[in-house]
């Protein structure tokens, strides 16, 4: 039981990650840009590599802001890569950005071999090493970003679920896309440093996909996603202590196991054993309108 105080900060950090990533995951799944967090994470890692090459402290504020600047460049690329006709999928640009950023980071790391361990920590993460100071700082940052998204929820939700209607209402899709990806960059740059790419990806996508099995409206998806993320975080931390395994990897595996259970529950209790098709939120149906859920 003496280990429980040691696990308090990692558990609180996982709850904070659940809160912001389950929400952003709804947008990511609706937009069909599932791997955008991996791309932005790799772009942030490239920024950290450049910071090391020019002599900055990899754990200092300068390296963080340079990484964030790189993610802003990525945000601008993804925002302007979204075309009206969609003849080139936006996911293609995201994949290209990931590959180029990865290759460039590898080339840069070959010139900074003495500091590769710091870059590995940024990509892999170690949630057990998080301190209460990091938890409080991250909670404040994510709270500000959450408030920003709440204030402008109409624009963000409408662009994610019905870009044609957003454009018809005079909303600048590219401008709001940039704001979305820029705020996303803040989250990814901080989250990856705490938990690593794999765990952040699970917090972003798995709760949203699990929620889509049982709900179509945004509000219900968020409720299910937040509940799932909280329960999985607790179970993952508990299993990591019980089995003496790495906490981050244990939470990732727990996410996978819980999602499989949710799928079979949905399959047998709601579809009589027939494979279901996941439905995206439709803004054209008044019952499922994301805007009505906010009135």
C-alpha atoms as a PDB file:
ATOM      1  CA  UNK A   1       0.000   0.000   0.000  1.00  0.00           C
ATOM      2  CA  UNK A   2       3.009   2.270   0.381  1.00  0.00           C
ATOM      3  CA  UNK A   3       3.166   2.567  -3.396  1.00  0.00           C
ATOM      4  CA  UNK A   4      -0.253   4.219  -3.651  1.00  0.00           C
ATOM      5  CA  UNK A   5       0.990   7.772  -2.860  1.00  0.00           C
ATOM      6  CA  UNK A   6       3.636   7.270  -5.557  1.00  0.00           C
ATOM      7  CA  UNK A   7       0.916   6.416  -8.093  1.00  0.00           C
ATOM      8  CA  UNK A   8      -1.320   9.364  -7.208  1.00  0.00           C
ATOM      9  CA  UNK A   9       0.351  11.842  -9.582  1.00  0.00           C
ATOM     10  CA  UNK A  10       0.391   9.407 -12.555  1.00  0.00           C
ATOM     11  CA  UNK A  11      -3.287   8.566 -11.951  1.00  0.00           C
ATOM     12  CA  UNK A  12      -4.282  12.257 -11.787  1.00  0.00           C
ATOM     13  CA  UNK A  13      -2.263  12.892 -14.944  1.00  0.00           C
ATOM     14  CA  UNK A  14      -4.140  10.093 -16.715  1.00  0.00           C
ATOM     15  CA  UNK A  15      -7.464  11.651 -15.674  1.00  0.00           C
ATOM     16  CA  UNK A  16      -6.382  15.012 -17.083  1.00  0.00           C
ATOM     17  CA  UNK A  17      -5.354  13.327 -20.325  1.00  0.00           C
ATOM     18  CA  UNK A  18      -8.749  11.640 -20.456  1.00  0.00           C
ATOM     19  CA  UNK A  19     -10.596  14.923 -20.053  1.00  0.00           C
ATOM     20  CA  UNK A  20      -9.003  16.794 -22.941  1.00  0.00           C
ATOM     21  CA  UNK A  21      -8.215  13.930 -25.311  1.00  0.00           C
ATOM     22  CA  UNK A  22     -11.658  12.302 -25.187  1.00  0.00           C
ATOM     23  CA  UNK A  23     -13.109  15.629 -26.326  1.00  0.00           C
ATOM     24  CA  UNK A  24     -10.509  16.219 -29.043  1.00  0.00           C
ATOM     25  CA  UNK A  25     -10.951  12.606 -30.124  1.00  0.00           C
ATOM     26  CA  UNK A  26     -14.575  13.320 -31.067  1.00  0.00           C
ATOM     27  CA  UNK A  27     -13.354  15.974 -33.509  1.00  0.00           C
ATOM     28  CA  UNK A  28     -10.520  13.808 -34.823  1.00  0.00           C
ATOM     29  CA  UNK A  29     -12.810  10.841 -35.552  1.00  0.00           C
ATOM     30  CA  UNK A  30     -15.480  13.048 -37.144  1.00  0.00           C
ATOM     31  CA  UNK A  31     -12.879  14.747 -39.350  1.00  0.00           C
ATOM     32  CA  UNK A  32     -11.299  11.423 -40.332  1.00  0.00           C
ATOM     33  CA  UNK A  33      -7.802  12.568 -39.346  1.00  0.00           C
ATOM     34  CA  UNK A  34      -7.085   9.716 -36.947  1.00  0.00           C
ATOM     35  CA  UNK A  35      -3.294   9.996 -37.047  1.00  0.00           C
ATOM     36  CA  UNK A  36      -3.012  13.745 -36.730  1.00  0.00           C
ATOM     37  CA  UNK A  37      -1.718  13.474 -33.158  1.00  0.00           C
ATOM     38  CA  UNK A  38       1.096  11.155 -34.272  1.00  0.00           C
ATOM     39  CA  UNK A  39       2.054  13.599 -37.005  1.00  0.00           C
ATOM     40  CA  UNK A  40       1.998  16.613 -34.698  1.00  0.00           C
ATOM     41  CA  UNK A  41       3.909  14.656 -32.058  1.00  0.00           C
ATOM     42  CA  UNK A  42       6.618  13.821 -34.573  1.00  0.00           C
ATOM     43  CA  UNK A  43       6.769  17.427 -35.716  1.00  0.00           C
ATOM     44  CA  UNK A  44       7.166  18.485 -32.077  1.00  0.00           C
ATOM     45  CA  UNK A  45       9.957  15.936 -31.693  1.00  0.00           C
ATOM     46  CA  UNK A  46      11.647  17.453 -34.727  1.00  0.00           C
ATOM     47  CA  UNK A  47      11.485  20.834 -33.018  1.00  0.00           C
ATOM     48  CA  UNK A  48      13.083  19.334 -29.902  1.00  0.00           C
ATOM     49  CA  UNK A  49      15.828  17.835 -32.058  1.00  0.00           C
ATOM     50  CA  UNK A  50      16.575  21.194 -33.627  1.00  0.00           C
ATOM     51  CA  UNK A  51      16.634  22.767 -30.147  1.00  0.00           C
ATOM     52  CA  UNK A  52      19.274  20.266 -29.063  1.00  0.00           C
ATOM     53  CA  UNK A  53      21.340  20.847 -32.197  1.00  0.00           C
ATOM     54  CA  UNK A  54      21.527  24.585 -31.492  1.00  0.00           C
ATOM     55  CA  UNK A  55      22.555  23.978 -27.899  1.00  0.00           C
ATOM     56  CA  UNK A  56      19.320  24.379 -25.945  1.00  0.00           C
ATOM     57  CA  UNK A  57      18.507  22.433 -22.780  1.00  0.00           C
ATOM     58  CA  UNK A  58      16.142  19.615 -23.904  1.00  0.00           C
ATOM     59  CA  UNK A  59      14.111  20.088 -20.712  1.00  0.00           C
ATOM     60  CA  UNK A  60      14.176  23.880 -20.773  1.00  0.00           C
ATOM     61  CA  UNK A  61      11.533  26.372 -21.771  1.00  0.00           C
ATOM     62  CA  UNK A  62      13.311  27.298 -24.986  1.00  0.00           C
ATOM     63  CA  UNK A  63      13.147  23.745 -26.321  1.00  0.00           C
ATOM     64  CA  UNK A  64       9.436  23.557 -25.426  1.00  0.00           C
ATOM     65  CA  UNK A  65       8.545  26.768 -27.230  1.00  0.00           C
ATOM     66  CA  UNK A  66      10.582  25.797 -30.277  1.00  0.00           C
ATOM     67  CA  UNK A  67       8.753  22.456 -30.398  1.00  0.00           C
ATOM     68  CA  UNK A  68       5.473  24.323 -30.091  1.00  0.00           C
ATOM     69  CA  UNK A  69       6.468  26.629 -32.937  1.00  0.00           C
ATOM     70  CA  UNK A  70       7.070  23.583 -35.117  1.00  0.00           C
ATOM     71  CA  UNK A  71       3.612  22.235 -34.261  1.00  0.00           C
ATOM     72  CA  UNK A  72       2.106  25.592 -35.270  1.00  0.00           C
ATOM     73  CA  UNK A  73       3.755  25.191 -38.680  1.00  0.00           C
ATOM     74  CA  UNK A  74       2.222  21.716 -38.871  1.00  0.00           C
ATOM     75  CA  UNK A  75      -1.150  23.151 -37.843  1.00  0.00           C
ATOM     76  CA  UNK A  76      -0.967  25.672 -40.686  1.00  0.00           C
ATOM     77  CA  UNK A  77      -0.084  22.924 -43.175  1.00  0.00           C
ATOM     78  CA  UNK A  78      -2.988  20.715 -42.083  1.00  0.00           C
ATOM     79  CA  UNK A  79      -5.422  23.642 -42.119  1.00  0.00           C
ATOM     80  CA  UNK A  80      -4.526  24.680 -45.671  1.00  0.00           C
ATOM     81  CA  UNK A  81      -4.333  21.068 -46.866  1.00  0.00           C
ATOM     82  CA  UNK A  82      -8.084  20.754 -46.401  1.00  0.00           C
ATOM     83  CA  UNK A  83      -9.534  21.278 -49.874  1.00  0.00           C
ATOM     84  CA  UNK A  84     -13.150  21.972 -50.730  1.00  0.00           C
ATOM     85  CA  UNK A  85     -13.549  19.119 -53.175  1.00  0.00           C
ATOM     86  CA  UNK A  86     -11.506  16.724 -51.084  1.00  0.00           C
ATOM     87  CA  UNK A  87      -9.988  15.027 -54.171  1.00  0.00           C
ATOM     88  CA  UNK A  88      -6.828  14.521 -52.079  1.00  0.00           C
ATOM     89  CA  UNK A  89      -7.645  13.148 -48.596  1.00  0.00           C
ATOM     90  CA  UNK A  90      -6.340  15.302 -45.773  1.00  0.00           C
ATOM     91  CA  UNK A  91      -5.035  12.137 -44.136  1.00  0.00           C
ATOM     92  CA  UNK A  92      -2.594  11.823 -47.031  1.00  0.00           C
ATOM     93  CA  UNK A  93      -1.020  15.175 -46.182  1.00  0.00           C
ATOM     94  CA  UNK A  94      -0.888  14.146 -42.527  1.00  0.00           C
ATOM     95  CA  UNK A  95       0.907  10.919 -43.425  1.00  0.00           C
ATOM     96  CA  UNK A  96       3.388  12.758 -45.626  1.00  0.00           C
ATOM     97  CA  UNK A  97       4.074  15.284 -42.874  1.00  0.00           C
ATOM     98  CA  UNK A  98       4.670  12.446 -40.402  1.00  0.00           C
ATOM     99  CA  UNK A  99       7.086  10.647 -42.739  1.00  0.00           C
ATOM    100  CA  UNK A 100       9.050  13.786 -43.621  1.00  0.00           C
ATOM    101  CA  UNK A 101       9.236  14.945 -39.995  1.00  0.00           C
ATOM    102  CA  UNK A 102      10.398  11.481 -38.908  1.00  0.00           C
ATOM    103  CA  UNK A 103      13.091  11.313 -41.581  1.00  0.00           C
ATOM    104  CA  UNK A 104      14.280  14.836 -40.811  1.00  0.00           C
ATOM    105  CA  UNK A 105      14.417  14.047 -37.081  1.00  0.00           C
ATOM    106  CA  UNK A 106      16.498  10.923 -37.826  1.00  0.00           C
ATOM    107  CA  UNK A 107      18.931  12.973 -39.889  1.00  0.00           C
ATOM    108  CA  UNK A 108      19.147  15.587 -37.139  1.00  0.00           C
ATOM    109  CA  UNK A 109      19.615  12.962 -34.414  1.00  0.00           C
ATOM    110  CA  UNK A 110      22.559  11.540 -36.338  1.00  0.00           C
ATOM    111  CA  UNK A 111      24.299  14.842 -35.592  1.00  0.00           C
ATOM    112  CA  UNK A 112      23.297  14.846 -31.918  1.00  0.00           C
ATOM    113  CA  UNK A 113      24.001  11.284 -30.866  1.00  0.00           C
ATOM    114  CA  UNK A 114      24.774  12.255 -27.289  1.00  0.00           C
ATOM    115  CA  UNK A 115      21.252  13.550 -26.673  1.00  0.00           C
ATOM    116  CA  UNK A 116      19.137  10.844 -28.297  1.00  0.00           C
ATOM    117  CA  UNK A 117      18.015   9.555 -24.890  1.00  0.00           C
ATOM    118  CA  UNK A 118      16.156  12.824 -24.271  1.00  0.00           C
ATOM    119  CA  UNK A 119      14.379  12.475 -27.596  1.00  0.00           C
ATOM    120  CA  UNK A 120      13.486   8.871 -26.796  1.00  0.00           C
ATOM    121  CA  UNK A 121      11.939  10.003 -23.512  1.00  0.00           C
ATOM    122  CA  UNK A 122       9.851  12.562 -25.372  1.00  0.00           C
ATOM    123  CA  UNK A 123       8.485   9.966 -27.799  1.00  0.00           C
ATOM    124  CA  UNK A 124       8.084   7.042 -25.404  1.00  0.00           C
ATOM    125  CA  UNK A 125       7.243   9.002 -22.276  1.00  0.00           C
ATOM    126  CA  UNK A 126       7.218   7.847 -18.678  1.00  0.00           C
ATOM    127  CA  UNK A 127       3.977   8.644 -16.911  1.00  0.00           C
ATOM    128  CA  UNK A 128       5.346   7.256 -13.627  1.00  0.00           C
ATOM    129  CA  UNK A 129       7.911  10.058 -13.568  1.00  0.00           C
ATOM    130  CA  UNK A 130       5.288  12.820 -13.636  1.00  0.00           C
ATOM    131  CA  UNK A 131       5.274  15.104 -10.583  1.00  0.00           C
ATOM    132  CA  UNK A 132       2.408  16.937  -8.900  1.00  0.00           C
ATOM    133  CA  UNK A 133       3.895  20.168 -10.233  1.00  0.00           C
ATOM    134  CA  UNK A 134       3.611  18.789 -13.789  1.00  0.00           C
ATOM    135  CA  UNK A 135       0.049  17.662 -13.058  1.00  0.00           C
ATOM    136  CA  UNK A 136      -1.018  21.117 -11.856  1.00  0.00           C
ATOM    137  CA  UNK A 137       0.737  22.894 -14.728  1.00  0.00           C
ATOM    138  CA  UNK A 138      -0.816  20.555 -17.291  1.00  0.00           C
ATOM    139  CA  UNK A 139      -4.271  20.869 -15.708  1.00  0.00           C
ATOM    140  CA  UNK A 140      -4.117  24.669 -15.971  1.00  0.00           C
ATOM    141  CA  UNK A 141      -2.983  24.554 -19.606  1.00  0.00           C
ATOM    142  CA  UNK A 142      -5.659  22.044 -20.609  1.00  0.00           C
ATOM    143  CA  UNK A 143      -8.267  23.986 -18.654  1.00  0.00           C
ATOM    144  CA  UNK A 144      -7.499  27.106 -20.702  1.00  0.00           C
ATOM    145  CA  UNK A 145      -7.671  25.126 -23.948  1.00  0.00           C
ATOM    146  CA  UNK A 146     -10.908  23.472 -22.843  1.00  0.00           C
ATOM    147  CA  UNK A 147     -12.425  26.875 -22.063  1.00  0.00           C
ATOM    148  CA  UNK A 148     -11.342  28.154 -25.465  1.00  0.00           C
ATOM    149  CA  UNK A 149     -13.052  25.218 -27.183  1.00  0.00           C
ATOM    150  CA  UNK A 150     -16.170  25.640 -25.065  1.00  0.00           C
ATOM    151  CA  UNK A 151     -16.506  29.332 -25.972  1.00  0.00           C
ATOM    152  CA  UNK A 152     -16.171  28.585 -29.685  1.00  0.00           C
ATOM    153  CA  UNK A 153     -17.805  25.139 -29.609  1.00  0.00           C
ATOM    154  CA  UNK A 154     -20.315  26.019 -32.334  1.00  0.00           C
ATOM    155  CA  UNK A 155     -17.612  26.748 -34.903  1.00  0.00           C
ATOM    156  CA  UNK A 156     -15.440  23.746 -34.007  1.00  0.00           C
ATOM    157  CA  UNK A 157     -18.299  21.239 -33.866  1.00  0.00           C
ATOM    158  CA  UNK A 158     -19.958  22.507 -37.034  1.00  0.00           C
ATOM    159  CA  UNK A 159     -16.718  22.336 -39.030  1.00  0.00           C
ATOM    160  CA  UNK A 160     -15.998  18.834 -37.740  1.00  0.00           C
ATOM    161  CA  UNK A 161     -19.470  17.414 -38.412  1.00  0.00           C
ATOM    162  CA  UNK A 162     -20.767  19.474 -41.347  1.00  0.00           C
ATOM    163  CA  UNK A 163     -18.137  21.609 -43.105  1.00  0.00           C
ATOM    164  CA  UNK A 164     -20.529  22.365 -45.981  1.00  0.00           C
ATOM    165  CA  UNK A 165     -23.039  23.949 -43.612  1.00  0.00           C
ATOM    166  CA  UNK A 166     -20.260  25.830 -41.811  1.00  0.00           C
ATOM    167  CA  UNK A 167     -19.092  27.313 -45.090  1.00  0.00           C
ATOM    168  CA  UNK A 168     -22.672  28.216 -46.029  1.00  0.00           C
ATOM    169  CA  UNK A 169     -22.958  30.144 -42.750  1.00  0.00           C
ATOM    170  CA  UNK A 170     -19.864  32.168 -43.602  1.00  0.00           C
ATOM    171  CA  UNK A 171     -17.456  30.445 -41.205  1.00  0.00           C
ATOM    172  CA  UNK A 172     -13.848  30.471 -42.413  1.00  0.00           C
ATOM    173  CA  UNK A 173     -12.980  26.782 -42.380  1.00  0.00           C
ATOM    174  CA  UNK A 174      -9.232  27.245 -42.828  1.00  0.00           C
ATOM    175  CA  UNK A 175      -8.998  29.875 -40.079  1.00  0.00           C
ATOM    176  CA  UNK A 176     -10.890  27.745 -37.546  1.00  0.00           C
ATOM    177  CA  UNK A 177      -9.032  24.638 -38.701  1.00  0.00           C
ATOM    178  CA  UNK A 178      -5.770  26.398 -37.905  1.00  0.00           C
ATOM    179  CA  UNK A 179      -7.036  27.374 -34.445  1.00  0.00           C
ATOM    180  CA  UNK A 180      -8.134  23.785 -33.850  1.00  0.00           C
ATOM    181  CA  UNK A 181      -4.810  22.271 -34.872  1.00  0.00           C
ATOM    182  CA  UNK A 182      -2.835  24.961 -33.038  1.00  0.00           C
ATOM    183  CA  UNK A 183      -4.700  24.258 -29.789  1.00  0.00           C
ATOM    184  CA  UNK A 184      -4.278  20.567 -30.534  1.00  0.00           C
ATOM    185  CA  UNK A 185      -0.549  21.197 -30.842  1.00  0.00           C
ATOM    186  CA  UNK A 186      -0.437  22.674 -27.336  1.00  0.00           C
ATOM    187  CA  UNK A 187      -2.060  19.505 -26.008  1.00  0.00           C
ATOM    188  CA  UNK A 188       0.063  17.050 -27.969  1.00  0.00           C
ATOM    189  CA  UNK A 189       3.372  18.758 -27.157  1.00  0.00           C
ATOM    190  CA  UNK A 190       2.616  18.547 -23.436  1.00  0.00           C
ATOM    191  CA  UNK A 191       0.901  15.144 -23.409  1.00  0.00           C
ATOM    192  CA  UNK A 192       3.562  13.280 -25.361  1.00  0.00           C
ATOM    193  CA  UNK A 193       6.268  14.546 -23.003  1.00  0.00           C
ATOM    194  CA  UNK A 194       4.279  13.071 -20.092  1.00  0.00           C
ATOM    195  CA  UNK A 195       2.812   9.855 -21.455  1.00  0.00           C
ATOM    196  CA  UNK A 196       4.407   9.065 -24.816  1.00  0.00           C
ATOM    197  CA  UNK A 197       2.922   8.708 -28.268  1.00  0.00           C
ATOM    198  CA  UNK A 198       1.129   5.360 -27.862  1.00  0.00           C
ATOM    199  CA  UNK A 199      -0.721   6.265 -24.674  1.00  0.00           C
ATOM    200  CA  UNK A 200      -1.703   9.690 -25.985  1.00  0.00           C
ATOM    201  CA  UNK A 201      -3.019   8.093 -29.177  1.00  0.00           C
ATOM    202  CA  UNK A 202      -5.160   5.691 -27.129  1.00  0.00           C
ATOM    203  CA  UNK A 203      -6.586   8.488 -24.975  1.00  0.00           C
ATOM    204  CA  UNK A 204      -7.418  10.410 -28.138  1.00  0.00           C
ATOM    205  CA  UNK A 205      -9.044   7.722 -30.275  1.00  0.00           C
ATOM    206  CA  UNK A 206     -10.175   4.709 -28.195  1.00  0.00           C
ATOM    207  CA  UNK A 207     -12.745   6.480 -25.927  1.00  0.00           C
ATOM    208  CA  UNK A 208     -14.304   8.179 -28.951  1.00  0.00           C
ATOM    209  CA  UNK A 209     -14.520   4.936 -30.943  1.00  0.00           C
ATOM    210  CA  UNK A 210     -15.955   3.092 -27.934  1.00  0.00           C
ATOM    211  CA  UNK A 211     -18.539   5.834 -27.441  1.00  0.00           C
ATOM    212  CA  UNK A 212     -19.574   5.644 -31.102  1.00  0.00           C
ATOM    213  CA  UNK A 213     -20.732   2.082 -30.477  1.00  0.00           C
ATOM    214  CA  UNK A 214     -23.446   3.279 -28.104  1.00  0.00           C
ATOM    215  CA  UNK A 215     -24.206   6.921 -28.989  1.00  0.00           C
ATOM    216  CA  UNK A 216     -24.499   9.232 -31.964  1.00  0.00           C
ATOM    217  CA  UNK A 217     -24.944  12.598 -30.259  1.00  0.00           C
ATOM    218  CA  UNK A 218     -21.853  14.493 -29.178  1.00  0.00           C
ATOM    219  CA  UNK A 219     -22.894  14.968 -25.546  1.00  0.00           C
ATOM    220  CA  UNK A 220     -23.500  11.261 -24.966  1.00  0.00           C
ATOM    221  CA  UNK A 221     -20.261  10.342 -26.694  1.00  0.00           C
ATOM    222  CA  UNK A 222     -18.334  12.655 -24.403  1.00  0.00           C
ATOM    223  CA  UNK A 223     -20.012  11.194 -21.317  1.00  0.00           C
ATOM    224  CA  UNK A 224     -19.207   7.630 -22.388  1.00  0.00           C
ATOM    225  CA  UNK A 225     -15.676   8.554 -23.469  1.00  0.00           C
ATOM    226  CA  UNK A 226     -14.858  10.317 -20.197  1.00  0.00           C
ATOM    227  CA  UNK A 227     -16.301   7.432 -18.172  1.00  0.00           C
ATOM    228  CA  UNK A 228     -14.370   4.860 -20.181  1.00  0.00           C
ATOM    229  CA  UNK A 229     -11.110   6.801 -19.928  1.00  0.00           C
ATOM    230  CA  UNK A 230     -11.461   7.236 -16.167  1.00  0.00           C
ATOM    231  CA  UNK A 231     -12.219   3.549 -15.542  1.00  0.00           C
ATOM    232  CA  UNK A 232      -9.449   2.346 -17.859  1.00  0.00           C
ATOM    233  CA  UNK A 233      -6.936   4.700 -16.212  1.00  0.00           C
ATOM    234  CA  UNK A 234      -7.783   3.313 -12.788  1.00  0.00           C
ATOM    235  CA  UNK A 235      -7.692  -0.302 -13.998  1.00  0.00           C
ATOM    236  CA  UNK A 236      -4.454   0.256 -15.903  1.00  0.00           C
ATOM    237  CA  UNK A 237      -2.675   1.730 -12.889  1.00  0.00           C
ATOM    238  CA  UNK A 238      -4.028  -1.067 -10.670  1.00  0.00           C
ATOM    239  CA  UNK A 239      -2.929  -3.820 -13.079  1.00  0.00           C
ATOM    240  CA  UNK A 240       0.512  -2.244 -13.459  1.00  0.00           C
ATOM    241  CA  UNK A 241       1.006  -2.507  -9.691  1.00  0.00           C
ATOM    242  CA  UNK A 242      -0.508  -5.981  -9.490  1.00  0.00           C
ATOM    243  CA  UNK A 243       1.521  -7.381 -12.392  1.00  0.00           C
ATOM    244  CA  UNK A 244       4.611  -5.186 -11.883  1.00  0.00           C
ATOM    245  CA  UNK A 245       4.509  -3.948 -15.490  1.00  0.00           C
ATOM    246  CA  UNK A 246       5.160  -0.508 -17.107  1.00  0.00           C
ATOM    247  CA  UNK A 247       2.180   1.717 -16.356  1.00  0.00           C
ATOM    248  CA  UNK A 248       1.865   3.366 -19.754  1.00  0.00           C
ATOM    249  CA  UNK A 249       1.958   0.110 -21.701  1.00  0.00           C
ATOM    250  CA  UNK A 250      -0.453  -1.488 -19.233  1.00  0.00           C
ATOM    251  CA  UNK A 251      -2.994   1.313 -19.709  1.00  0.00           C
ATOM    252  CA  UNK A 252      -2.690   0.960 -23.505  1.00  0.00           C
ATOM    253  CA  UNK A 253      -3.375  -2.797 -23.303  1.00  0.00           C
ATOM    254  CA  UNK A 254      -6.271  -2.166 -20.917  1.00  0.00           C
ATOM    255  CA  UNK A 255      -7.757   0.278 -23.421  1.00  0.00           C
ATOM    256  CA  UNK A 256      -7.585  -2.412 -26.090  1.00  0.00           C
ATOM    257  CA  UNK A 257      -9.165  -5.072 -23.876  1.00  0.00           C
ATOM    258  CA  UNK A 258     -11.999  -2.795 -22.716  1.00  0.00           C
ATOM    259  CA  UNK A 259     -12.729  -1.709 -26.298  1.00  0.00           C
ATOM    260  CA  UNK A 260     -13.008  -5.357 -27.369  1.00  0.00           C
ATOM    261  CA  UNK A 261     -15.438  -6.031 -24.512  1.00  0.00           C
ATOM    262  CA  UNK A 262     -17.496  -2.971 -25.483  1.00  0.00           C
ATOM    263  CA  UNK A 263     -17.607  -4.140 -29.091  1.00  0.00           C
ATOM    264  CA  UNK A 264     -18.940  -7.578 -28.176  1.00  0.00           C
ATOM    265  CA  UNK A 265     -21.469  -6.110 -25.737  1.00  0.00           C
ATOM    266  CA  UNK A 266     -22.736  -3.856 -28.522  1.00  0.00           C
ATOM    267  CA  UNK A 267     -22.656  -6.704 -31.034  1.00  0.00           C
ATOM    268  CA  UNK A 268     -24.684  -9.225 -29.035  1.00  0.00           C
ATOM    269  CA  UNK A 269     -27.019  -6.978 -27.039  1.00  0.00           C
ATOM    270  CA  UNK A 270     -27.818  -4.300 -29.626  1.00  0.00           C
ATOM    271  CA  UNK A 271     -27.375  -6.021 -32.994  1.00  0.00           C
ATOM    272  CA  UNK A 272     -28.161  -9.650 -32.248  1.00  0.00           C
ATOM    273  CA  UNK A 273     -24.738 -10.857 -33.314  1.00  0.00           C
ATOM    274  CA  UNK A 274     -24.607  -8.877 -36.589  1.00  0.00           C
ATOM    275  CA  UNK A 275     -21.530  -6.749 -37.150  1.00  0.00           C
ATOM    276  CA  UNK A 276     -22.489  -3.067 -36.601  1.00  0.00           C
ATOM    277  CA  UNK A 277     -21.444  -0.113 -38.687  1.00  0.00           C
ATOM    278  CA  UNK A 278     -20.148   2.912 -36.791  1.00  0.00           C
ATOM    279  CA  UNK A 279     -22.135   6.019 -37.657  1.00  0.00           C
ATOM    280  CA  UNK A 280     -20.763   9.524 -37.712  1.00  0.00           C
ATOM    281  CA  UNK A 281     -22.846  12.283 -36.224  1.00  0.00           C
ATOM    282  CA  UNK A 282     -25.280  13.718 -38.743  1.00  0.00           C
ATOM    283  CA  UNK A 283     -26.064  17.380 -38.369  1.00  0.00           C
ATOM    284  CA  UNK A 284     -28.895  17.138 -40.890  1.00  0.00           C
ATOM    285  CA  UNK A 285     -31.040  15.026 -38.552  1.00  0.00           C
ATOM    286  CA  UNK A 286     -32.623  17.285 -35.908  1.00  0.00           C
ATOM    287  CA  UNK A 287     -32.456  14.505 -33.323  1.00  0.00           C
ATOM    288  CA  UNK A 288     -28.690  14.241 -33.714  1.00  0.00           C
ATOM    289  CA  UNK A 289     -27.863  17.892 -34.258  1.00  0.00           C
ATOM    290  CA  UNK A 290     -24.762  18.873 -32.337  1.00  0.00           C
ATOM    291  CA  UNK A 291     -26.031  22.412 -32.190  1.00  0.00           C
ATOM    292  CA  UNK A 292     -29.299  21.424 -30.518  1.00  0.00           C
ATOM    293  CA  UNK A 293     -27.338  19.727 -27.747  1.00  0.00           C
ATOM    294  CA  UNK A 294     -25.957  23.132 -26.776  1.00  0.00           C
ATOM    295  CA  UNK A 295     -29.272  25.026 -26.760  1.00  0.00           C
END
